[in-house]
C-alpha cells in the first residue's frame, strides 16, 4: 500500500542522493501500476506519482522546487541542513 509517508520518504532518498532519478521514476511508475493507495480520495498521491513518473522527460525534470512543492502537498516541510565533509 502506498501512503503519503512512503512517497515522502522516497523523495527524501532522492534528495539525499541515495537513489537516482531513473530509480525514482521507475518506482513511481511501478507504484502507479499497482494502484493501491491509502486515503487518496483527492488523488494527491496518484498526481504526485504521475509527476515523478514524467520526470525522466527532460522538459519536466524533478527540481528541488518540485520536491519542495510535492512535500508540501504531502504535509511535510523541507529544511536544508548543511554539514562539513
N, C-alpha and C. Protein backbone atom coordinates (compact mmCIF):
# COMPACT_ATOMS: atom_id res chain seq x y z
N UNK A 1 0.84 -1.18 0.00
CA UNK A 1 0.00 0.00 0.00
C UNK A 1 0.89 1.24 0.00
N UNK A 2 0.60 2.17 -0.90
CA UNK A 2 1.36 3.41 -0.99
C UNK A 2 0.69 4.47 -0.13
N UNK A 3 1.44 5.01 0.80
CA UNK A 3 0.96 6.08 1.67
C UNK A 3 1.73 7.36 1.34
N UNK A 4 1.22 8.47 1.83
CA UNK A 4 1.92 9.74 1.63
C UNK A 4 3.29 9.71 2.29
N UNK A 5 3.40 9.02 3.42
CA UNK A 5 4.69 8.91 4.10
C UNK A 5 5.70 8.15 3.26
N UNK A 6 5.25 7.09 2.62
CA UNK A 6 6.15 6.31 1.75
C UNK A 6 6.66 7.18 0.61
N UNK A 7 5.77 7.98 0.02
CA UNK A 7 6.18 8.86 -1.06
C UNK A 7 7.18 9.90 -0.55
N UNK A 8 6.89 10.49 0.59
CA UNK A 8 7.79 11.50 1.18
C UNK A 8 9.15 10.89 1.49
N UNK A 9 9.17 9.69 2.04
CA UNK A 9 10.44 9.02 2.34
C UNK A 9 11.25 8.77 1.09
N UNK A 10 10.58 8.38 0.00
CA UNK A 10 11.27 8.12 -1.26
C UNK A 10 11.86 9.42 -1.83
N UNK A 11 11.12 10.50 -1.72
CA UNK A 11 11.64 11.80 -2.20
C UNK A 11 12.86 12.20 -1.39
N UNK A 12 12.83 11.96 -0.09
CA UNK A 12 13.99 12.27 0.74
C UNK A 12 15.21 11.47 0.31
N UNK A 13 15.02 10.20 -0.02
CA UNK A 13 16.14 9.39 -0.51
C UNK A 13 16.72 10.00 -1.78
N UNK A 14 15.85 10.46 -2.66
CA UNK A 14 16.31 11.10 -3.90
C UNK A 14 17.08 12.38 -3.60
N UNK A 15 16.53 13.22 -2.74
CA UNK A 15 17.18 14.49 -2.42
C UNK A 15 18.52 14.29 -1.72
N UNK A 16 18.66 13.18 -1.00
CA UNK A 16 19.90 12.86 -0.30
C UNK A 16 20.86 12.05 -1.17
N UNK A 17 20.54 11.93 -2.45
CA UNK A 17 21.38 11.22 -3.43
C UNK A 17 21.59 9.75 -3.08
N UNK A 18 20.61 9.16 -2.41
CA UNK A 18 20.68 7.74 -2.09
C UNK A 18 20.04 6.89 -3.19
N UNK A 19 19.21 7.52 -4.02
CA UNK A 19 18.69 6.88 -5.21
C UNK A 19 18.78 7.88 -6.36
N UNK A 20 18.83 7.36 -7.59
CA UNK A 20 18.96 8.22 -8.76
C UNK A 20 17.59 8.63 -9.28
N UNK A 21 17.59 9.59 -10.19
CA UNK A 21 16.33 9.99 -10.81
C UNK A 21 15.68 8.83 -11.56
N UNK A 22 16.45 8.05 -12.36
CA UNK A 22 15.81 6.89 -13.01
C UNK A 22 15.20 5.91 -12.01
N UNK A 23 15.86 5.70 -10.86
CA UNK A 23 15.30 4.83 -9.82
C UNK A 23 13.98 5.40 -9.30
N UNK A 24 13.97 6.71 -9.09
CA UNK A 24 12.79 7.40 -8.58
C UNK A 24 11.64 7.27 -9.58
N UNK A 25 11.93 7.50 -10.86
CA UNK A 25 10.92 7.41 -11.91
C UNK A 25 10.37 5.99 -12.00
N UNK A 26 11.25 5.01 -12.01
CA UNK A 26 10.80 3.60 -12.08
C UNK A 26 9.91 3.24 -10.91
N UNK A 27 10.30 3.66 -9.72
CA UNK A 27 9.50 3.38 -8.53
C UNK A 27 8.11 4.00 -8.67
N UNK A 28 8.06 5.26 -9.10
CA UNK A 28 6.78 5.95 -9.23
C UNK A 28 5.89 5.26 -10.26
N UNK A 29 6.48 4.86 -11.39
CA UNK A 29 5.70 4.18 -12.42
C UNK A 29 5.15 2.85 -11.93
N UNK A 30 5.97 2.09 -11.21
CA UNK A 30 5.50 0.82 -10.65
C UNK A 30 4.40 1.04 -9.62
N UNK A 31 4.57 2.06 -8.78
CA UNK A 31 3.55 2.36 -7.77
C UNK A 31 2.22 2.73 -8.42
N UNK A 32 2.28 3.47 -9.52
CA UNK A 32 1.05 3.83 -10.23
C UNK A 32 0.35 2.61 -10.82
N UNK A 33 1.14 1.67 -11.31
CA UNK A 33 0.55 0.45 -11.90
C UNK A 33 -0.12 -0.42 -10.85
N UNK A 34 0.41 -0.41 -9.63
CA UNK A 34 -0.18 -1.22 -8.56
C UNK A 34 -1.50 -0.67 -8.09
N UNK A 35 -1.68 0.64 -8.20
CA UNK A 35 -2.97 1.29 -7.91
C UNK A 35 -3.52 0.90 -6.54
N UNK A 36 -2.68 0.94 -5.53
CA UNK A 36 -3.09 0.61 -4.17
C UNK A 36 -2.67 1.75 -3.25
N UNK A 37 -3.55 2.74 -3.11
CA UNK A 37 -3.22 3.94 -2.36
C UNK A 37 -4.09 4.07 -1.12
N UNK A 38 -3.49 4.55 -0.06
CA UNK A 38 -4.22 4.76 1.18
C UNK A 38 -4.72 6.20 1.25
N UNK A 39 -5.96 6.39 1.61
CA UNK A 39 -6.53 7.72 1.84
C UNK A 39 -6.20 8.69 0.71
N UNK A 40 -6.65 8.38 -0.50
CA UNK A 40 -6.31 9.22 -1.64
C UNK A 40 -7.57 9.64 -2.41
N UNK A 41 -8.57 10.10 -1.67
CA UNK A 41 -9.83 10.47 -2.31
C UNK A 41 -9.66 11.66 -3.25
N UNK A 42 -8.67 12.50 -3.01
CA UNK A 42 -8.42 13.66 -3.88
C UNK A 42 -7.35 13.35 -4.93
N UNK A 43 -6.90 12.12 -4.99
CA UNK A 43 -5.90 11.66 -5.95
C UNK A 43 -4.56 12.37 -5.81
N UNK A 44 -4.26 12.86 -4.62
CA UNK A 44 -2.99 13.54 -4.38
C UNK A 44 -1.81 12.62 -4.66
N UNK A 45 -1.84 11.44 -4.11
CA UNK A 45 -0.73 10.50 -4.29
C UNK A 45 -0.57 10.13 -5.77
N UNK A 46 -1.66 9.85 -6.43
CA UNK A 46 -1.61 9.50 -7.86
C UNK A 46 -1.02 10.64 -8.69
N UNK A 47 -1.47 11.86 -8.42
CA UNK A 47 -0.97 13.02 -9.17
C UNK A 47 0.52 13.24 -8.92
N UNK A 48 0.95 13.07 -7.69
CA UNK A 48 2.36 13.23 -7.35
C UNK A 48 3.19 12.16 -8.06
N UNK A 49 2.73 10.92 -8.01
CA UNK A 49 3.48 9.85 -8.67
C UNK A 49 3.52 10.04 -10.19
N UNK A 50 2.44 10.56 -10.75
CA UNK A 50 2.43 10.84 -12.18
C UNK A 50 3.46 11.93 -12.52
N UNK A 51 3.55 12.93 -11.67
CA UNK A 51 4.55 14.00 -11.86
C UNK A 51 5.96 13.42 -11.79
N UNK A 52 6.21 12.60 -10.81
CA UNK A 52 7.54 11.98 -10.67
C UNK A 52 7.81 11.07 -11.86
N UNK A 53 6.82 10.31 -12.28
CA UNK A 53 6.99 9.41 -13.41
C UNK A 53 7.34 10.13 -14.70
N UNK A 54 6.89 11.38 -14.83
CA UNK A 54 7.20 12.17 -16.03
C UNK A 54 8.56 12.86 -15.93
N UNK A 55 9.23 12.73 -14.81
CA UNK A 55 10.49 13.43 -14.58
C UNK A 55 11.61 12.95 -15.49
N UNK A 56 11.46 11.77 -16.08
CA UNK A 56 12.51 11.27 -16.96
C UNK A 56 12.54 12.03 -18.28
N UNK A 57 11.48 12.74 -18.59
CA UNK A 57 11.43 13.57 -19.79
C UNK A 57 12.08 14.90 -19.45
N UNK A 58 13.11 15.27 -20.19
CA UNK A 58 13.92 16.45 -19.87
C UNK A 58 13.07 17.71 -19.68
N UNK A 59 12.00 17.84 -20.44
CA UNK A 59 11.16 19.03 -20.34
C UNK A 59 10.50 19.15 -18.96
N UNK A 60 10.30 18.02 -18.29
CA UNK A 60 9.66 18.04 -16.97
C UNK A 60 10.71 18.07 -15.86
N UNK A 61 11.56 17.08 -15.80
CA UNK A 61 12.58 17.02 -14.75
C UNK A 61 11.97 16.89 -13.37
N UNK A 62 12.82 17.00 -12.37
CA UNK A 62 12.37 16.97 -10.98
C UNK A 62 13.32 17.85 -10.18
N UNK A 63 12.99 19.10 -10.07
CA UNK A 63 13.86 20.07 -9.40
C UNK A 63 13.65 20.05 -7.89
N UNK A 64 14.54 20.72 -7.21
CA UNK A 64 14.39 20.84 -5.76
C UNK A 64 13.08 21.55 -5.44
N UNK A 65 12.74 22.55 -6.26
CA UNK A 65 11.49 23.27 -6.05
C UNK A 65 10.29 22.35 -6.23
N UNK A 66 10.37 21.47 -7.24
CA UNK A 66 9.30 20.48 -7.44
C UNK A 66 9.16 19.61 -6.19
N UNK A 67 10.29 19.15 -5.68
CA UNK A 67 10.28 18.28 -4.49
C UNK A 67 9.70 19.02 -3.30
N UNK A 68 10.06 20.28 -3.15
CA UNK A 68 9.53 21.07 -2.03
C UNK A 68 8.01 21.22 -2.15
N UNK A 69 7.53 21.50 -3.35
CA UNK A 69 6.08 21.63 -3.57
C UNK A 69 5.36 20.31 -3.31
N UNK A 70 5.94 19.22 -3.78
CA UNK A 70 5.35 17.90 -3.57
C UNK A 70 5.29 17.59 -2.08
N UNK A 71 6.39 17.85 -1.38
CA UNK A 71 6.42 17.56 0.06
C UNK A 71 5.38 18.39 0.80
N UNK A 72 5.18 19.64 0.38
CA UNK A 72 4.14 20.47 1.00
C UNK A 72 2.77 19.83 0.82
N UNK A 73 2.50 19.29 -0.39
CA UNK A 73 1.23 18.62 -0.64
C UNK A 73 1.08 17.38 0.22
N UNK A 74 2.21 16.77 0.59
CA UNK A 74 2.19 15.58 1.45
C UNK A 74 2.15 15.94 2.93
N UNK A 75 2.19 17.24 3.23
CA UNK A 75 2.15 17.69 4.63
C UNK A 75 3.51 17.67 5.31
N UNK A 76 4.58 17.77 4.50
CA UNK A 76 5.95 17.73 5.04
C UNK A 76 6.67 18.99 4.62
N UNK A 77 7.34 19.65 5.56
CA UNK A 77 8.12 20.84 5.24
C UNK A 77 9.59 20.45 5.15
N UNK A 78 10.21 20.81 4.05
CA UNK A 78 11.64 20.51 3.88
C UNK A 78 12.49 21.58 4.55
N UNK A 79 13.56 21.15 5.19
CA UNK A 79 14.57 22.04 5.74
C UNK A 79 15.90 21.56 5.23
N UNK A 80 16.77 22.49 4.90
CA UNK A 80 18.11 22.13 4.42
C UNK A 80 19.05 22.23 5.60
N UNK A 81 19.88 21.21 5.75
CA UNK A 81 20.87 21.16 6.79
C UNK A 81 22.22 20.92 6.14
N UNK A 82 23.16 21.78 6.38
CA UNK A 82 24.50 21.62 5.79
C UNK A 82 25.50 21.22 6.85
N UNK A 83 26.35 20.28 6.49
CA UNK A 83 27.42 19.86 7.39
C UNK A 83 28.72 19.85 6.62
N UNK A 84 29.80 20.04 7.30
CA UNK A 84 31.10 19.98 6.66
C UNK A 84 31.45 18.54 6.35
N UNK A 85 32.17 18.34 5.24
CA UNK A 85 32.57 16.98 4.88
C UNK A 85 34.02 16.74 5.21
